[in-house]
C-alpha atoms as a PDB file:
ATOM      1  CA  UNK A   1       0.000   0.000   0.000  1.00  0.00           C
ATOM      2  CA  UNK A   2       1.778   3.088  -1.314  1.00  0.00           C
ATOM      3  CA  UNK A   3       0.599   6.522  -0.201  1.00  0.00           C
ATOM      4  CA  UNK A   4       1.817   9.648  -1.972  1.00  0.00           C
ATOM      5  CA  UNK A   5       2.071  12.767   0.194  1.00  0.00           C
ATOM      6  CA  UNK A   6       3.389  16.245  -0.426  1.00  0.00           C
ATOM      7  CA  UNK A   7       2.968  19.386  -2.466  1.00  0.00           C
ATOM      8  CA  UNK A   8       1.591  20.211  -5.927  1.00  0.00           C
ATOM      9  CA  UNK A   9       4.174  17.981  -7.614  1.00  0.00           C
ATOM     10  CA  UNK A  10       2.580  15.044  -5.781  1.00  0.00           C
ATOM     11  CA  UNK A  11      -1.000  16.330  -6.096  1.00  0.00           C
ATOM     12  CA  UNK A  12      -0.813  16.717  -9.876  1.00  0.00           C
ATOM     13  CA  UNK A  13       0.790  13.284 -10.254  1.00  0.00           C
ATOM     14  CA  UNK A  14      -2.700  11.764 -10.034  1.00  0.00           C
ATOM     15  CA  UNK A  15      -3.568  13.223 -13.455  1.00  0.00           C
ATOM     16  CA  UNK A  16      -0.762  11.470 -15.385  1.00  0.00           C
ATOM     17  CA  UNK A  17      -0.310   7.736 -14.960  1.00  0.00           C
ATOM     18  CA  UNK A  18       3.052   6.833 -16.504  1.00  0.00           C
ATOM     19  CA  UNK A  19       4.965   6.373 -13.246  1.00  0.00           C
ATOM     20  CA  UNK A  20       2.126   4.460 -11.621  1.00  0.00           C
ATOM     21  CA  UNK A  21       1.783   2.251 -14.714  1.00  0.00           C
ATOM     22  CA  UNK A  22       5.509   1.497 -14.599  1.00  0.00           C
ATOM     23  CA  UNK A  23       5.182   0.346 -10.993  1.00  0.00           C
ATOM     24  CA  UNK A  24       2.268  -1.959 -11.799  1.00  0.00           C
ATOM     25  CA  UNK A  25       4.026  -3.328 -14.870  1.00  0.00           C
ATOM     26  CA  UNK A  26       7.231  -4.058 -12.943  1.00  0.00           C
ATOM     27  CA  UNK A  27       5.489  -5.729 -10.005  1.00  0.00           C
ATOM     28  CA  UNK A  28       2.297  -7.390 -11.297  1.00  0.00           C
ATOM     29  CA  UNK A  29       2.229  -9.933  -8.465  1.00  0.00           C
ATOM     30  CA  UNK A  30       2.283  -7.426  -5.601  1.00  0.00           C
ATOM     31  CA  UNK A  31      -1.349  -6.311  -5.951  1.00  0.00           C
ATOM     32  CA  UNK A  32      -0.201  -2.716  -5.474  1.00  0.00           C
ATOM     33  CA  UNK A  33      -2.542  -0.140  -3.970  1.00  0.00           C
ATOM     34  CA  UNK A  34      -1.502   3.460  -4.684  1.00  0.00           C
ATOM     35  CA  UNK A  35      -3.304   6.379  -3.039  1.00  0.00           C
ATOM     36  CA  UNK A  36      -2.505  10.025  -3.755  1.00  0.00           C
ATOM     37  CA  UNK A  37      -2.861  12.157  -0.620  1.00  0.00           C
ATOM     38  CA  UNK A  38      -0.896  15.085  -2.034  1.00  0.00           C
ATOM     39  CA  UNK A  39      -2.287  18.590  -1.720  1.00  0.00           C
ATOM     40  CA  UNK A  40      -1.046  21.736  -3.455  1.00  0.00           C
ATOM     41  CA  UNK A  41       0.967  24.008  -1.111  1.00  0.00           C
ATOM     42  CA  UNK A  42       1.564  21.278   1.480  1.00  0.00           C
ATOM     43  CA  UNK A  43       4.755  21.539   3.491  1.00  0.00           C
ATOM     44  CA  UNK A  44       6.202  19.206   6.079  1.00  0.00           C
ATOM     45  CA  UNK A  45       4.645  21.145   8.934  1.00  0.00           C
ATOM     46  CA  UNK A  46       1.830  23.019   7.135  1.00  0.00           C
ATOM     47  CA  UNK A  47      -1.045  21.007   5.684  1.00  0.00           C
ATOM     48  CA  UNK A  48      -4.179  23.122   5.476  1.00  0.00           C
ATOM     49  CA  UNK A  49      -7.405  21.120   5.377  1.00  0.00           C
ATOM     50  CA  UNK A  50     -11.099  21.570   6.115  1.00  0.00           C
ATOM     51  CA  UNK A  51     -12.219  21.143   9.707  1.00  0.00           C
ATOM     52  CA  UNK A  52     -12.474  17.499  10.838  1.00  0.00           C
ATOM     53  CA  UNK A  53     -10.658  16.325   7.704  1.00  0.00           C
ATOM     54  CA  UNK A  54      -8.312  14.192   9.772  1.00  0.00           C
ATOM     55  CA  UNK A  55      -4.590  14.352  10.417  1.00  0.00           C
ATOM     56  CA  UNK A  56      -1.950  13.155   7.917  1.00  0.00           C
ATOM     57  CA  UNK A  57      -1.283  10.210  10.193  1.00  0.00           C
ATOM     58  CA  UNK A  58      -4.972   9.260  10.313  1.00  0.00           C
ATOM     59  CA  UNK A  59      -5.089   9.201   6.511  1.00  0.00           C
ATOM     60  CA  UNK A  60      -1.950   7.094   6.267  1.00  0.00           C
ATOM     61  CA  UNK A  61      -3.621   4.670   8.640  1.00  0.00           C
ATOM     62  CA  UNK A  62      -6.864   4.703   6.617  1.00  0.00           C
ATOM     63  CA  UNK A  63      -4.908   3.744   3.506  1.00  0.00           C
ATOM     64  CA  UNK A  64      -2.971   1.047   5.434  1.00  0.00           C
ATOM     65  CA  UNK A  65       0.254   2.579   4.208  1.00  0.00           C
ATOM     66  CA  UNK A  66       3.336   0.391   4.041  1.00  0.00           C
ATOM     67  CA  UNK A  67       5.319   2.710   1.727  1.00  0.00           C
ATOM     68  CA  UNK A  68       5.311   6.531   1.779  1.00  0.00           C
ATOM     69  CA  UNK A  69       6.334   8.509  -1.310  1.00  0.00           C
ATOM     70  CA  UNK A  70       6.992  12.005   0.058  1.00  0.00           C
ATOM     71  CA  UNK A  71       7.355  15.090  -2.144  1.00  0.00           C
ATOM     72  CA  UNK A  72       8.462  18.111  -0.134  1.00  0.00           C
ATOM     73  CA  UNK A  73      11.041  20.898  -0.278  1.00  0.00           C
ATOM     74  CA  UNK A  74       9.773  23.198  -3.013  1.00  0.00           C
ATOM     75  CA  UNK A  75       7.541  25.452  -0.929  1.00  0.00           C
ATOM     76  CA  UNK A  76       9.967  25.330   1.988  1.00  0.00           C
ATOM     77  CA  UNK A  77      12.786  26.507  -0.304  1.00  0.00           C
ATOM     78  CA  UNK A  78      11.304  30.002  -0.537  1.00  0.00           C
ATOM     79  CA  UNK A  79      12.677  30.622   2.961  1.00  0.00           C
ATOM     80  CA  UNK A  80      16.121  30.504   1.365  1.00  0.00           C
ATOM     81  CA  UNK A  81      19.311  29.491   3.106  1.00  0.00           C
ATOM     82  CA  UNK A  82      17.995  31.018   6.343  1.00  0.00           C
ATOM     83  CA  UNK A  83      15.319  28.324   6.444  1.00  0.00           C
ATOM     84  CA  UNK A  84      17.576  25.401   5.568  1.00  0.00           C
ATOM     85  CA  UNK A  85      18.380  24.319   9.130  1.00  0.00           C
ATOM     86  CA  UNK A  86      14.695  24.442  10.096  1.00  0.00           C
ATOM     87  CA  UNK A  87      13.786  22.389   7.036  1.00  0.00           C
ATOM     88  CA  UNK A  88      16.406  19.762   7.840  1.00  0.00           C
ATOM     89  CA  UNK A  89      15.170  19.543  11.434  1.00  0.00           C
ATOM     90  CA  UNK A  90      11.535  19.233  10.296  1.00  0.00           C
ATOM     91  CA  UNK A  91      12.465  16.575   7.746  1.00  0.00           C
ATOM     92  CA  UNK A  92      14.448  14.643  10.344  1.00  0.00           C
ATOM     93  CA  UNK A  93      11.455  14.766  12.704  1.00  0.00           C
ATOM     94  CA  UNK A  94       9.129  13.599   9.909  1.00  0.00           C
ATOM     95  CA  UNK A  95      11.320  10.595   9.127  1.00  0.00           C
ATOM     96  CA  UNK A  96      11.726   9.665  12.785  1.00  0.00           C
ATOM     97  CA  UNK A  97       7.945   9.872  13.206  1.00  0.00           C
ATOM     98  CA  UNK A  98       7.485   7.453  10.295  1.00  0.00           C
ATOM     99  CA  UNK A  99       9.984   5.033  11.846  1.00  0.00           C
ATOM    100  CA  UNK A 100       7.719   4.787  14.909  1.00  0.00           C
ATOM    101  CA  UNK A 101       4.471   4.453  12.932  1.00  0.00           C
ATOM    102  CA  UNK A 102       2.574   1.290  12.050  1.00  0.00           C
ATOM    103  CA  UNK A 103      -0.167   2.292   9.631  1.00  0.00           C
ATOM    104  CA  UNK A 104      -0.449  -1.106   7.949  1.00  0.00           C
ATOM    105  CA  UNK A 105      -0.325  -3.244  11.078  1.00  0.00           C
ATOM    106  CA  UNK A 106       2.874  -4.807   9.727  1.00  0.00           C
ATOM    107  CA  UNK A 107       5.468  -2.404  11.057  1.00  0.00           C
ATOM    108  CA  UNK A 108       6.923   0.965  10.117  1.00  0.00           C
ATOM    109  CA  UNK A 109       6.500   2.116   6.516  1.00  0.00           C
ATOM    110  CA  UNK A 110       9.396   2.465   4.120  1.00  0.00           C
ATOM    111  CA  UNK A 111       9.843   6.133   3.196  1.00  0.00           C
ATOM    112  CA  UNK A 112      11.023   7.484  -0.137  1.00  0.00           C
ATOM    113  CA  UNK A 113      11.885  11.181  -0.353  1.00  0.00           C
ATOM    114  CA  UNK A 114      11.574  12.728  -3.807  1.00  0.00           C
ATOM    115  CA  UNK A 115      13.412  16.006  -4.278  1.00  0.00           C
ATOM    116  CA  UNK A 116      11.753  19.020  -5.866  1.00  0.00           C
ATOM    117  CA  UNK A 117      12.029  19.365  -9.633  1.00  0.00           C
ATOM    118  CA  UNK A 118      14.022  22.227 -11.106  1.00  0.00           C
ATOM    119  CA  UNK A 119      12.438  25.441 -12.361  1.00  0.00           C
ATOM    120  CA  UNK A 120      12.194  25.377 -16.164  1.00  0.00           C
ATOM    121  CA  UNK A 121      13.265  28.486 -18.055  1.00  0.00           C
ATOM    122  CA  UNK A 122      10.436  29.040 -20.539  1.00  0.00           C
ATOM    123  CA  UNK A 123      12.277  31.928 -22.241  1.00  0.00           C
ATOM    124  CA  UNK A 124       9.094  33.910 -21.848  1.00  0.00           C
ATOM    125  CA  UNK A 125       9.042  37.472 -20.466  1.00  0.00           C
ATOM    126  CA  UNK A 126       5.837  36.657 -18.589  1.00  0.00           C
ATOM    127  CA  UNK A 127       7.680  34.138 -16.382  1.00  0.00           C
ATOM    128  CA  UNK A 128      10.934  34.289 -14.382  1.00  0.00           C
ATOM    129  CA  UNK A 129      13.878  32.351 -15.792  1.00  0.00           C
ATOM    130  CA  UNK A 130      14.121  30.284 -12.606  1.00  0.00           C
ATOM    131  CA  UNK A 131      17.833  30.855 -11.944  1.00  0.00           C
ATOM    132  CA  UNK A 132      17.326  32.115  -8.395  1.00  0.00           C
ATOM    133  CA  UNK A 133      14.729  29.443  -7.657  1.00  0.00           C
ATOM    134  CA  UNK A 134      17.096  26.735  -8.855  1.00  0.00           C
ATOM    135  CA  UNK A 135      19.892  28.010  -6.625  1.00  0.00           C
ATOM    136  CA  UNK A 136      17.594  27.527  -3.631  1.00  0.00           C
ATOM    137  CA  UNK A 137      16.223  24.203  -4.838  1.00  0.00           C
ATOM    138  CA  UNK A 138      19.728  22.816  -5.277  1.00  0.00           C
ATOM    139  CA  UNK A 139      20.485  23.489  -1.598  1.00  0.00           C
ATOM    140  CA  UNK A 140      17.213  21.979  -0.441  1.00  0.00           C
ATOM    141  CA  UNK A 141      17.597  18.884  -2.607  1.00  0.00           C
ATOM    142  CA  UNK A 142      21.086  18.307  -1.198  1.00  0.00           C
ATOM    143  CA  UNK A 143      19.730  18.761   2.322  1.00  0.00           C
ATOM    144  CA  UNK A 144      17.030  16.160   1.653  1.00  0.00           C
ATOM    145  CA  UNK A 145      19.654  13.692   0.471  1.00  0.00           C
ATOM    146  CA  UNK A 146      21.713  14.229   3.631  1.00  0.00           C
ATOM    147  CA  UNK A 147      18.762  13.819   6.000  1.00  0.00           C
ATOM    148  CA  UNK A 148      17.516  10.763   4.114  1.00  0.00           C
ATOM    149  CA  UNK A 149      20.936   9.106   4.396  1.00  0.00           C
ATOM    150  CA  UNK A 150      21.129   9.868   8.121  1.00  0.00           C
ATOM    151  CA  UNK A 151      17.753   8.188   8.681  1.00  0.00           C
ATOM    152  CA  UNK A 152      18.062   5.224   6.334  1.00  0.00           C
ATOM    153  CA  UNK A 153      15.382   6.550   3.971  1.00  0.00           C
ATOM    154  CA  UNK A 154      15.481   6.260   0.197  1.00  0.00           C
ATOM    155  CA  UNK A 155      16.200   9.499  -1.672  1.00  0.00           C
ATOM    156  CA  UNK A 156      15.288  10.066  -5.327  1.00  0.00           C
ATOM    157  CA  UNK A 157      16.806  13.104  -6.999  1.00  0.00           C
ATOM    158  CA  UNK A 158      14.409  14.760  -9.431  1.00  0.00           C
ATOM    159  CA  UNK A 159      16.264  18.071  -9.585  1.00  0.00           C
ATOM    160  CA  UNK A 160      19.071  17.011 -11.949  1.00  0.00           C
ATOM    161  CA  UNK A 161      16.894  14.704 -14.105  1.00  0.00           C
ATOM    162  CA  UNK A 162      14.337  17.479 -14.570  1.00  0.00           C
ATOM    163  CA  UNK A 163      17.052  19.883 -15.738  1.00  0.00           C
ATOM    164  CA  UNK A 164      18.193  17.252 -18.230  1.00  0.00           C
ATOM    165  CA  UNK A 165      14.616  16.617 -19.377  1.00  0.00           C
ATOM    166  CA  UNK A 166      14.016  20.341 -19.931  1.00  0.00           C
ATOM    167  CA  UNK A 167      17.191  20.602 -22.005  1.00  0.00           C
ATOM    168  CA  UNK A 168      16.227  17.617 -24.179  1.00  0.00           C
ATOM    169  CA  UNK A 169      12.576  18.552 -24.706  1.00  0.00           C
ATOM    170  CA  UNK A 170      11.407  20.168 -27.911  1.00  0.00           C
ATOM    171  CA  UNK A 171       8.418  21.734 -26.159  1.00  0.00           C
ATOM    172  CA  UNK A 172       8.069  23.069 -22.590  1.00  0.00           C
ATOM    173  CA  UNK A 173       7.459  20.390 -19.966  1.00  0.00           C
ATOM    174  CA  UNK A 174       5.827  22.806 -17.506  1.00  0.00           C
ATOM    175  CA  UNK A 175       2.893  25.184 -17.768  1.00  0.00           C
ATOM    176  CA  UNK A 176       4.594  27.975 -15.855  1.00  0.00           C
ATOM    177  CA  UNK A 177       8.148  26.863 -15.085  1.00  0.00           C
ATOM    178  CA  UNK A 178       7.271  24.916 -11.936  1.00  0.00           C
ATOM    179  CA  UNK A 179       4.129  22.834 -12.577  1.00  0.00           C
ATOM    180  CA  UNK A 180       4.639  19.906 -14.936  1.00  0.00           C
ATOM    181  CA  UNK A 181       2.461  19.298 -17.958  1.00  0.00           C
ATOM    182  CA  UNK A 182       1.414  15.668 -18.555  1.00  0.00           C
ATOM    183  CA  UNK A 183       4.373  15.413 -20.933  1.00  0.00           C
ATOM    184  CA  UNK A 184       6.627  16.521 -18.095  1.00  0.00           C
ATOM    185  CA  UNK A 185       5.411  13.802 -15.757  1.00  0.00           C
ATOM    186  CA  UNK A 186       5.817  11.213 -18.527  1.00  0.00           C
ATOM    187  CA  UNK A 187       9.354  12.456 -19.219  1.00  0.00           C
ATOM    188  CA  UNK A 188      10.328  12.227 -15.539  1.00  0.00           C
ATOM    189  CA  UNK A 189       8.698   8.855 -14.850  1.00  0.00           C
ATOM    190  CA  UNK A 190      11.774   6.829 -15.930  1.00  0.00           C
ATOM    191  CA  UNK A 191      13.988   8.907 -13.625  1.00  0.00           C
ATOM    192  CA  UNK A 192      11.571   8.337 -10.754  1.00  0.00           C
ATOM    193  CA  UNK A 193      11.559   4.605 -11.424  1.00  0.00           C
ATOM    194  CA  UNK A 194      15.320   4.283 -11.851  1.00  0.00           C
ATOM    195  CA  UNK A 195      15.868   6.390  -8.742  1.00  0.00           C
ATOM    196  CA  UNK A 196      13.913   3.769  -6.819  1.00  0.00           C
ATOM    197  CA  UNK A 197      15.126   0.574  -8.438  1.00  0.00           C
ATOM    198  CA  UNK A 198      18.342   1.391 -10.258  1.00  0.00           C
ATOM    199  CA  UNK A 199      17.019   0.350 -13.655  1.00  0.00           C
END
């Protein structure tokens, strides 16, 4: 039982099925259940919901989660280098909380941290070129990798593969530099899969 949590990158993943299809194709005997609990603007410590919606932990229990795919870091990165230590501490606390959880009744879930994607330069005067955003995202992606390693969590880098995908694409892969089009999700799906399984 895989539950996807995190920001708009996770939320919008439910509208393009390449990555999910790759998982089902690779593991047809596992009877995979994949639930998308992502919500645009979510951060590690800020998850705005309607009253009585239920906590993140309650939803992970409802979905009997045994694997968490977590997409964080983009919104947090706007705090810049001044917010980096706080982000690392919050991420460390999140991972330690998961290590103590038992949503499935079969022990603590495995956690996979996916880094933010890079900001695509659309070469359009109506949108920023993303250079400053990418400087921040690089720091936050590196921080995620460090905290993941310290806690025995899996880390999948999407920052560098997204830069490579943007450079190779004949058409923009995002609608505004930061939100992927369906073609963007399809282009990144192999990097997401290989980041998990090495193939």
